[in-house]
Amino acid sequence: MDQHPADVASETEARELDVARQALFEARIGLIDEALTRLERGEYGRCVICRKPIPEERLELLPETPFCVEDAAREQARAQ
């Protein structure tokens, strides 16, 4: 029995979302691993670019972040 085109589209969309979620998950795991390495080296909590301390509030929200707010904005702008 053939599937209705709308069903096929829904399944395709669901697969694409799964792939996107997996990529985001893997990227975040990579950031967490890097943060753990910085922690072991005594460098956790400092921006990897400017070396300034990352505010505790930011680390509470994004404990894996390698950047201060300013450098994160620059990195994001550069990536676009």
PDB file of N, CA and C in Angstrom:
ATOM      1  N   MET A   1       0.842  -1.172   0.000  1.00  0.00           N
ATOM      2  CA  MET A   1       0.000   0.000   0.000  1.00  0.00           C
ATOM      3  C   MET A   1       0.893   1.243   0.000  1.00  0.00           C
ATOM      4  N   ASP A   2       0.606   2.169  -0.888  1.00  0.00           N
ATOM      5  CA  ASP A   2       1.378   3.401  -0.989  1.00  0.00           C
ATOM      6  C   ASP A   2       1.016   4.353   0.139  1.00  0.00           C
ATOM      7  N   GLN A   3       2.034   5.073   0.578  1.00  0.00           N
ATOM      8  CA  GLN A   3       1.787   6.077   1.606  1.00  0.00           C
ATOM      9  C   GLN A   3       1.315   7.368   0.955  1.00  0.00           C
ATOM     10  N   HIS A   4       0.507   8.058   1.673  1.00  0.00           N
ATOM     11  CA  HIS A   4       0.041   9.368   1.220  1.00  0.00           C
ATOM     12  C   HIS A   4       1.239  10.322   1.223  1.00  0.00           C
ATOM     13  N   PRO A   5       1.352  11.200   0.231  1.00  0.00           N
ATOM     14  CA  PRO A   5       2.490  12.129   0.180  1.00  0.00           C
ATOM     15  C   PRO A   5       2.675  12.949   1.458  1.00  0.00           C
ATOM     16  N   ALA A   6       1.591  13.300   2.104  1.00  0.00           N
ATOM     17  CA  ALA A   6       1.710  14.069   3.350  1.00  0.00           C
ATOM     18  C   ALA A   6       2.368  13.234   4.441  1.00  0.00           C
ATOM     19  N   ASP A   7       2.062  11.932   4.468  1.00  0.00           N
ATOM     20  CA  ASP A   7       2.694  11.049   5.453  1.00  0.00           C
ATOM     21  C   ASP A   7       4.184  10.918   5.184  1.00  0.00           C
ATOM     22  N   VAL A   8       4.537  10.795   3.920  1.00  0.00           N
ATOM     23  CA  VAL A   8       5.947  10.693   3.542  1.00  0.00           C
ATOM     24  C   VAL A   8       6.680  11.974   3.938  1.00  0.00           C
ATOM     25  N   ALA A   9       6.055  13.109   3.680  1.00  0.00           N
ATOM     26  CA  ALA A   9       6.664  14.394   4.035  1.00  0.00           C
ATOM     27  C   ALA A   9       6.853  14.506   5.544  1.00  0.00           C
ATOM     28  N   SER A  10       5.864  14.063   6.301  1.00  0.00           N
ATOM     29  CA  SER A  10       5.969  14.119   7.764  1.00  0.00           C
ATOM     30  C   SER A  10       7.098  13.232   8.268  1.00  0.00           C
ATOM     31  N   GLU A  11       7.219  12.051   7.692  1.00  0.00           N
ATOM     32  CA  GLU A  11       8.292  11.143   8.096  1.00  0.00           C
ATOM     33  C   GLU A  11       9.658  11.715   7.728  1.00  0.00           C
ATOM     34  N   THR A  12       9.748  12.314   6.557  1.00  0.00           N
ATOM     35  CA  THR A  12      11.007  12.926   6.125  1.00  0.00           C
ATOM     36  C   THR A  12      11.386  14.073   7.051  1.00  0.00           C
ATOM     37  N   GLU A  13      10.408  14.887   7.386  1.00  0.00           N
ATOM     38  CA  GLU A  13      10.662  16.004   8.294  1.00  0.00           C
ATOM     39  C   GLU A  13      11.109  15.499   9.662  1.00  0.00           C
ATOM     40  N   ALA A  14      10.478  14.455  10.146  1.00  0.00           N
ATOM     41  CA  ALA A  14      10.847  13.891  11.445  1.00  0.00           C
ATOM     42  C   ALA A  14      12.284  13.370  11.418  1.00  0.00           C
ATOM     43  N   ARG A  15      12.667  12.713  10.333  1.00  0.00           N
ATOM     44  CA  ARG A  15      14.047  12.213  10.211  1.00  0.00           C
ATOM     45  C   ARG A  15      15.042  13.369  10.172  1.00  0.00           C
ATOM     46  N   GLU A  16      14.697  14.416   9.428  1.00  0.00           N
ATOM     47  CA  GLU A  16      15.588  15.574   9.348  1.00  0.00           C
ATOM     48  C   GLU A  16      15.748  16.241  10.710  1.00  0.00           C
ATOM     49  N   LEU A  17      14.662  16.320  11.463  1.00  0.00           N
ATOM     50  CA  LEU A  17      14.745  16.880  12.812  1.00  0.00           C
ATOM     51  C   LEU A  17      15.617  16.014  13.711  1.00  0.00           C
ATOM     52  N   ASP A  18      15.481  14.705  13.576  1.00  0.00           N
ATOM     53  CA  ASP A  18      16.314  13.796  14.364  1.00  0.00           C
ATOM     54  C   ASP A  18      17.793  13.993  14.046  1.00  0.00           C
ATOM     55  N   VAL A  19      18.106  14.135  12.777  1.00  0.00           N
ATOM     56  CA  VAL A  19      19.497  14.346  12.365  1.00  0.00           C
ATOM     57  C   VAL A  19      20.015  15.673  12.919  1.00  0.00           C
ATOM     58  N   ALA A  20      19.198  16.704  12.838  1.00  0.00           N
ATOM     59  CA  ALA A  20      19.599  18.020  13.352  1.00  0.00           C
ATOM     60  C   ALA A  20      19.803  17.970  14.865  1.00  0.00           C
ATOM     61  N   ARG A  21      18.895  17.313  15.563  1.00  0.00           N
ATOM     62  CA  ARG A  21      19.029  17.189  17.023  1.00  0.00           C
ATOM     63  C   ARG A  21      20.294  16.418  17.385  1.00  0.00           C
ATOM     64  N   GLN A  22      20.565  15.369  16.640  1.00  0.00           N
ATOM     65  CA  GLN A  22      21.766  14.569  16.899  1.00  0.00           C
ATOM     66  C   GLN A  22      23.022  15.413  16.706  1.00  0.00           C
ATOM     67  N   ALA A  23      23.042  16.220  15.663  1.00  0.00           N
ATOM     68  CA  ALA A  23      24.203  17.081  15.405  1.00  0.00           C
ATOM     69  C   ALA A  23      24.380  18.092  16.534  1.00  0.00           C
ATOM     70  N   LEU A  24      23.286  18.688  16.988  1.00  0.00           N
ATOM     71  CA  LEU A  24      23.369  19.641  18.100  1.00  0.00           C
ATOM     72  C   LEU A  24      23.840  18.950  19.375  1.00  0.00           C
ATOM     73  N   PHE A  25      23.331  17.759  19.611  1.00  0.00           N
ATOM     74  CA  PHE A  25      23.726  16.983  20.788  1.00  0.00           C
ATOM     75  C   PHE A  25      25.224  16.683  20.750  1.00  0.00           C
ATOM     76  N   GLU A  26      25.703  16.233  19.604  1.00  0.00           N
ATOM     77  CA  GLU A  26      27.123  15.904  19.473  1.00  0.00           C
ATOM     78  C   GLU A  26      28.001  17.146  19.626  1.00  0.00           C
ATOM     79  N   ALA A  27      27.543  18.269  19.096  1.00  0.00           N
ATOM     80  CA  ALA A  27      28.304  19.515  19.243  1.00  0.00           C
ATOM     81  C   ALA A  27      28.378  19.922  20.709  1.00  0.00           C
ATOM     82  N   ARG A  28      27.262  19.774  21.409  1.00  0.00           N
ATOM     83  CA  ARG A  28      27.260  20.153  22.830  1.00  0.00           C
ATOM     84  C   ARG A  28      28.152  19.212  23.638  1.00  0.00           C
ATOM     85  N   ILE A  29      28.129  17.940  23.317  1.00  0.00           N
ATOM     86  CA  ILE A  29      29.015  16.987  23.999  1.00  0.00           C
ATOM     87  C   ILE A  29      30.474  17.395  23.784  1.00  0.00           C
ATOM     88  N   GLY A  30      30.798  17.817  22.576  1.00  0.00           N
ATOM     89  CA  GLY A  30      32.155  18.282  22.293  1.00  0.00           C
ATOM     90  C   GLY A  30      32.524  19.485  23.143  1.00  0.00           C
ATOM     91  N   LEU A  31      31.590  20.419  23.276  1.00  0.00           N
ATOM     92  CA  LEU A  31      31.843  21.601  24.112  1.00  0.00           C
ATOM     93  C   LEU A  31      32.015  21.217  25.578  1.00  0.00           C
ATOM     94  N   ILE A  32      31.238  20.252  26.027  1.00  0.00           N
ATOM     95  CA  ILE A  32      31.356  19.790  27.419  1.00  0.00           C
ATOM     96  C   ILE A  32      32.711  19.124  27.635  1.00  0.00           C
ATOM     97  N   ASP A  33      33.127  18.298  26.687  1.00  0.00           N
ATOM     98  CA  ASP A  33      34.448  17.659  26.795  1.00  0.00           C
ATOM     99  C   ASP A  33      35.558  18.706  26.856  1.00  0.00           C
ATOM    100  N   GLU A  34      35.438  19.733  26.014  1.00  0.00           N
ATOM    101  CA  GLU A  34      36.439  20.806  26.020  1.00  0.00           C
ATOM    102  C   GLU A  34      36.423  21.556  27.350  1.00  0.00           C
ATOM    103  N   ALA A  35      35.230  21.781  27.898  1.00  0.00           N
ATOM    104  CA  ALA A  35      35.125  22.467  29.192  1.00  0.00           C
ATOM    105  C   ALA A  35      35.772  21.634  30.291  1.00  0.00           C
ATOM    106  N   LEU A  36      35.580  20.329  30.240  1.00  0.00           N
ATOM    107  CA  LEU A  36      36.211  19.455  31.237  1.00  0.00           C
ATOM    108  C   LEU A  36      37.733  19.496  31.119  1.00  0.00           C
ATOM    109  N   THR A  37      38.225  19.575  29.905  1.00  0.00           N
ATOM    110  CA  THR A  37      39.672  19.695  29.699  1.00  0.00           C
ATOM    111  C   THR A  37      40.180  21.009  30.279  1.00  0.00           C
ATOM    112  N   ARG A  38      39.433  22.100  30.031  1.00  0.00           N
ATOM    113  CA  ARG A  38      39.840  23.390  30.606  1.00  0.00           C
ATOM    114  C   ARG A  38      39.807  23.332  32.129  1.00  0.00           C
ATOM    115  N   LEU A  39      38.830  22.631  32.673  1.00  0.00           N
ATOM    116  CA  LEU A  39      38.733  22.484  34.125  1.00  0.00           C
ATOM    117  C   LEU A  39      39.962  21.759  34.663  1.00  0.00           C
ATOM    118  N   GLU A  40      40.353  20.677  34.006  1.00  0.00           N
ATOM    119  CA  GLU A  40      41.541  19.923  34.428  1.00  0.00           C
ATOM    120  C   GLU A  40      42.807  20.767  34.362  1.00  0.00           C
ATOM    121  N   ARG A  41      42.864  21.671  33.401  1.00  0.00           N
ATOM    122  CA  ARG A  41      44.042  22.527  33.227  1.00  0.00           C
ATOM    123  C   ARG A  41      44.007  23.774  34.103  1.00  0.00           C
ATOM    124  N   GLY A  42      42.905  23.962  34.808  1.00  0.00           N
ATOM    125  CA  GLY A  42      42.764  25.160  35.631  1.00  0.00           C
ATOM    126  C   GLY A  42      42.397  26.393  34.825  1.00  0.00           C
ATOM    127  N   GLU A  43      41.867  26.189  33.625  1.00  0.00           N
ATOM    128  CA  GLU A  43      41.526  27.302  32.740  1.00  0.00           C
ATOM    129  C   GLU A  43      40.021  27.516  32.623  1.00  0.00           C
ATOM    130  N   TYR A  44      39.242  26.694  33.293  1.00  0.00           N
ATOM    131  CA  TYR A  44      37.783  26.809  33.194  1.00  0.00           C
ATOM    132  C   TYR A  44      37.318  28.139  33.764  1.00  0.00           C
ATOM    133  N   GLY A  45      36.353  28.737  33.091  1.00  0.00           N
ATOM    134  CA  GLY A  45      35.801  29.997  33.570  1.00  0.00           C
ATOM    135  C   GLY A  45      36.485  31.217  32.982  1.00  0.00           C
ATOM    136  N   ARG A  46      37.450  30.985  32.103  1.00  0.00           N
ATOM    137  CA  ARG A  46      38.120  32.084  31.405  1.00  0.00           C
ATOM    138  C   ARG A  46      37.849  31.937  29.919  1.00  0.00           C
ATOM    139  N   CYS A  47      37.617  33.055  29.279  1.00  0.00           N
ATOM    140  CA  CYS A  47      37.374  33.069  27.842  1.00  0.00           C
ATOM    141  C   CYS A  47      38.619  32.555  27.117  1.00  0.00           C
ATOM    142  N   VAL A  48      38.412  31.663  26.163  1.00  0.00           N
ATOM    143  CA  VAL A  48      39.550  31.096  25.438  1.00  0.00           C
ATOM    144  C   VAL A  48      40.167  32.093  24.455  1.00  0.00           C
ATOM    145  N   ILE A  49      39.488  33.195  24.205  1.00  0.00           N
ATOM    146  CA  ILE A  49      40.023  34.198  23.280  1.00  0.00           C
ATOM    147  C   ILE A  49      40.732  35.320  24.036  1.00  0.00           C
ATOM    148  N   CYS A  50      40.001  35.986  24.922  1.00  0.00           N
ATOM    149  CA  CYS A  50      40.579  37.157  25.597  1.00  0.00           C
ATOM    150  C   CYS A  50      41.146  36.837  26.982  1.00  0.00           C
ATOM    151  N   ARG A  51      40.870  35.633  27.474  1.00  0.00           N
ATOM    152  CA  ARG A  51      41.352  35.157  28.778  1.00  0.00           C
ATOM    153  C   ARG A  51      40.701  35.863  29.969  1.00  0.00           C
ATOM    154  N   LYS A  52      39.707  36.716  29.719  1.00  0.00           N
ATOM    155  CA  LYS A  52      38.994  37.365  30.822  1.00  0.00           C
ATOM    156  C   LYS A  52      38.058  36.359  31.483  1.00  0.00           C
ATOM    157  N   PRO A  53      37.769  36.567  32.766  1.00  0.00           N
ATOM    158  CA  PRO A  53      36.825  35.666  33.440  1.00  0.00           C
ATOM    159  C   PRO A  53      35.435  35.733  32.799  1.00  0.00           C
ATOM    160  N   ILE A  54      34.820  34.578  32.678  1.00  0.00           N
ATOM    161  CA  ILE A  54      33.440  34.498  32.197  1.00  0.00           C
ATOM    162  C   ILE A  54      32.545  34.669  33.422  1.00  0.00           C
ATOM    163  N   PRO A  55      31.575  35.582  33.364  1.00  0.00           N
ATOM    164  CA  PRO A  55      30.712  35.800  34.532  1.00  0.00           C
ATOM    165  C   PRO A  55      30.027  34.511  34.999  1.00  0.00           C
ATOM    166  N   GLU A  56      29.925  34.370  36.308  1.00  0.00           N
ATOM    167  CA  GLU A  56      29.308  33.169  36.881  1.00  0.00           C
ATOM    168  C   GLU A  56      27.896  32.946  36.371  1.00  0.00           C
ATOM    169  N   GLU A  57      27.154  34.037  36.170  1.00  0.00           N
ATOM    170  CA  GLU A  57      25.781  33.908  35.674  1.00  0.00           C
ATOM    171  C   GLU A  57      25.765  33.222  34.312  1.00  0.00           C
ATOM    172  N   ARG A  58      26.733  33.579  33.481  1.00  0.00           N
ATOM    173  CA  ARG A  58      26.824  32.956  32.150  1.00  0.00           C
ATOM    174  C   ARG A  58      27.197  31.481  32.282  1.00  0.00           C
ATOM    175  N   LEU A  59      28.130  31.185  33.158  1.00  0.00           N
ATOM    176  CA  LEU A  59      28.545  29.793  33.350  1.00  0.00           C
ATOM    177  C   LEU A  59      27.417  28.948  33.939  1.00  0.00           C
ATOM    178  N   GLU A  60      26.572  29.564  34.745  1.00  0.00           N
ATOM    179  CA  GLU A  60      25.431  28.820  35.286  1.00  0.00           C
ATOM    180  C   GLU A  60      24.457  28.441  34.174  1.00  0.00           C
ATOM    181  N   LEU A  61      24.282  29.343  33.218  1.00  0.00           N
ATOM    182  CA  LEU A  61      23.369  29.077  32.100  1.00  0.00           C
ATOM    183  C   LEU A  61      23.994  28.180  31.038  1.00  0.00           C
ATOM    184  N   LEU A  62      25.271  28.400  30.771  1.00  0.00           N
ATOM    185  CA  LEU A  62      25.990  27.667  29.725  1.00  0.00           C
ATOM    186  C   LEU A  62      27.333  27.194  30.277  1.00  0.00           C
ATOM    187  N   PRO A  63      27.325  26.186  31.124  1.00  0.00           N
ATOM    188  CA  PRO A  63      28.584  25.788  31.770  1.00  0.00           C
ATOM    189  C   PRO A  63      29.665  25.330  30.797  1.00  0.00           C
ATOM    190  N   GLU A  64      29.274  24.964  29.592  1.00  0.00           N
ATOM    191  CA  GLU A  64      30.256  24.496  28.615  1.00  0.00           C
ATOM    192  C   GLU A  64      30.839  25.616  27.760  1.00  0.00           C
ATOM    193  N   THR A  65      30.351  26.844  27.937  1.00  0.00           N
ATOM    194  CA  THR A  65      30.783  27.929  27.050  1.00  0.00           C
ATOM    195  C   THR A  65      32.273  28.227  27.190  1.00  0.00           C
ATOM    196  N   PRO A  66      32.945  28.381  26.059  1.00  0.00           N
ATOM    197  CA  PRO A  66      34.359  28.753  26.118  1.00  0.00           C
ATOM    198  C   PRO A  66      34.580  30.260  25.998  1.00  0.00           C
ATOM    199  N   PHE A  67      33.491  31.025  25.825  1.00  0.00           N
ATOM    200  CA  PHE A  67      33.616  32.444  25.510  1.00  0.00           C
ATOM    201  C   PHE A  67      32.913  33.348  26.510  1.00  0.00           C
ATOM    202  N   CYS A  68      33.484  34.539  26.694  1.00  0.00           N
ATOM    203  CA  CYS A  68      32.767  35.597  27.393  1.00  0.00           C
ATOM    204  C   CYS A  68      31.662  36.089  26.447  1.00  0.00           C
ATOM    205  N   VAL A  69      30.793  36.933  26.945  1.00  0.00           N
ATOM    206  CA  VAL A  69      29.664  37.408  26.137  1.00  0.00           C
ATOM    207  C   VAL A  69      30.148  38.127  24.877  1.00  0.00           C
ATOM    208  N   GLU A  70      31.130  38.981  25.035  1.00  0.00           N
ATOM    209  CA  GLU A  70      31.610  39.772  23.899  1.00  0.00           C
ATOM    210  C   GLU A  70      32.208  38.885  22.808  1.00  0.00           C
ATOM    211  N   ASP A  71      33.064  37.964  23.208  1.00  0.00           N
ATOM    212  CA  ASP A  71      33.689  37.098  22.213  1.00  0.00           C
ATOM    213  C   ASP A  71      32.696  36.093  21.634  1.00  0.00           C
ATOM    214  N   ALA A  72      31.719  35.681  22.414  1.00  0.00           N
ATOM    215  CA  ALA A  72      30.676  34.794  21.887  1.00  0.00           C
ATOM    216  C   ALA A  72      29.903  35.504  20.781  1.00  0.00           C
ATOM    217  N   ALA A  73      29.599  36.781  20.997  1.00  0.00           N
ATOM    218  CA  ALA A  73      28.880  37.554  19.976  1.00  0.00           C
ATOM    219  C   ALA A  73      29.722  37.691  18.715  1.00  0.00           C
ATOM    220  N   ARG A  74      31.010  37.942  18.888  1.00  0.00           N
ATOM    221  CA  ARG A  74      31.900  38.057  17.720  1.00  0.00           C
ATOM    222  C   ARG A  74      32.002  36.728  16.971  1.00  0.00           C
ATOM    223  N   GLU A  75      32.120  35.644  17.705  1.00  0.00           N
ATOM    224  CA  GLU A  75      32.210  34.324  17.073  1.00  0.00           C
ATOM    225  C   GLU A  75      30.925  33.990  16.323  1.00  0.00           C
ATOM    226  N   GLN A  76      29.799  34.325  16.925  1.00  0.00           N
ATOM    227  CA  GLN A  76      28.518  34.050  16.279  1.00  0.00           C
ATOM    228  C   GLN A  76      28.360  34.890  15.013  1.00  0.00           C
ATOM    229  N   ALA A  77      28.748  36.156  15.080  1.00  0.00           N
ATOM    230  CA  ALA A  77      28.652  37.028  13.905  1.00  0.00           C
ATOM    231  C   ALA A  77      29.569  36.534  12.793  1.00  0.00           C
ATOM    232  N   ARG A  78      30.728  36.064  13.172  1.00  0.00           N
ATOM    233  CA  ARG A  78      31.684  35.571  12.178  1.00  0.00           C
ATOM    234  C   ARG A  78      31.181  34.285  11.520  1.00  0.00           C
ATOM    235  N   ALA A  79      30.452  33.475  12.271  1.00  0.00           N
ATOM    236  CA  ALA A  79      29.947  32.203  11.750  1.00  0.00           C
ATOM    237  C   ALA A  79      28.789  32.395  10.771  1.00  0.00           C
ATOM    238  N   GLN A  80      28.178  33.558  10.797  1.00  0.00           N
ATOM    239  CA  GLN A  80      27.017  33.786   9.925  1.00  0.00           C
ATOM    240  C   GLN A  80      27.405  34.277   8.597  1.00  0.00           C
TER     241      GLN A  80
END
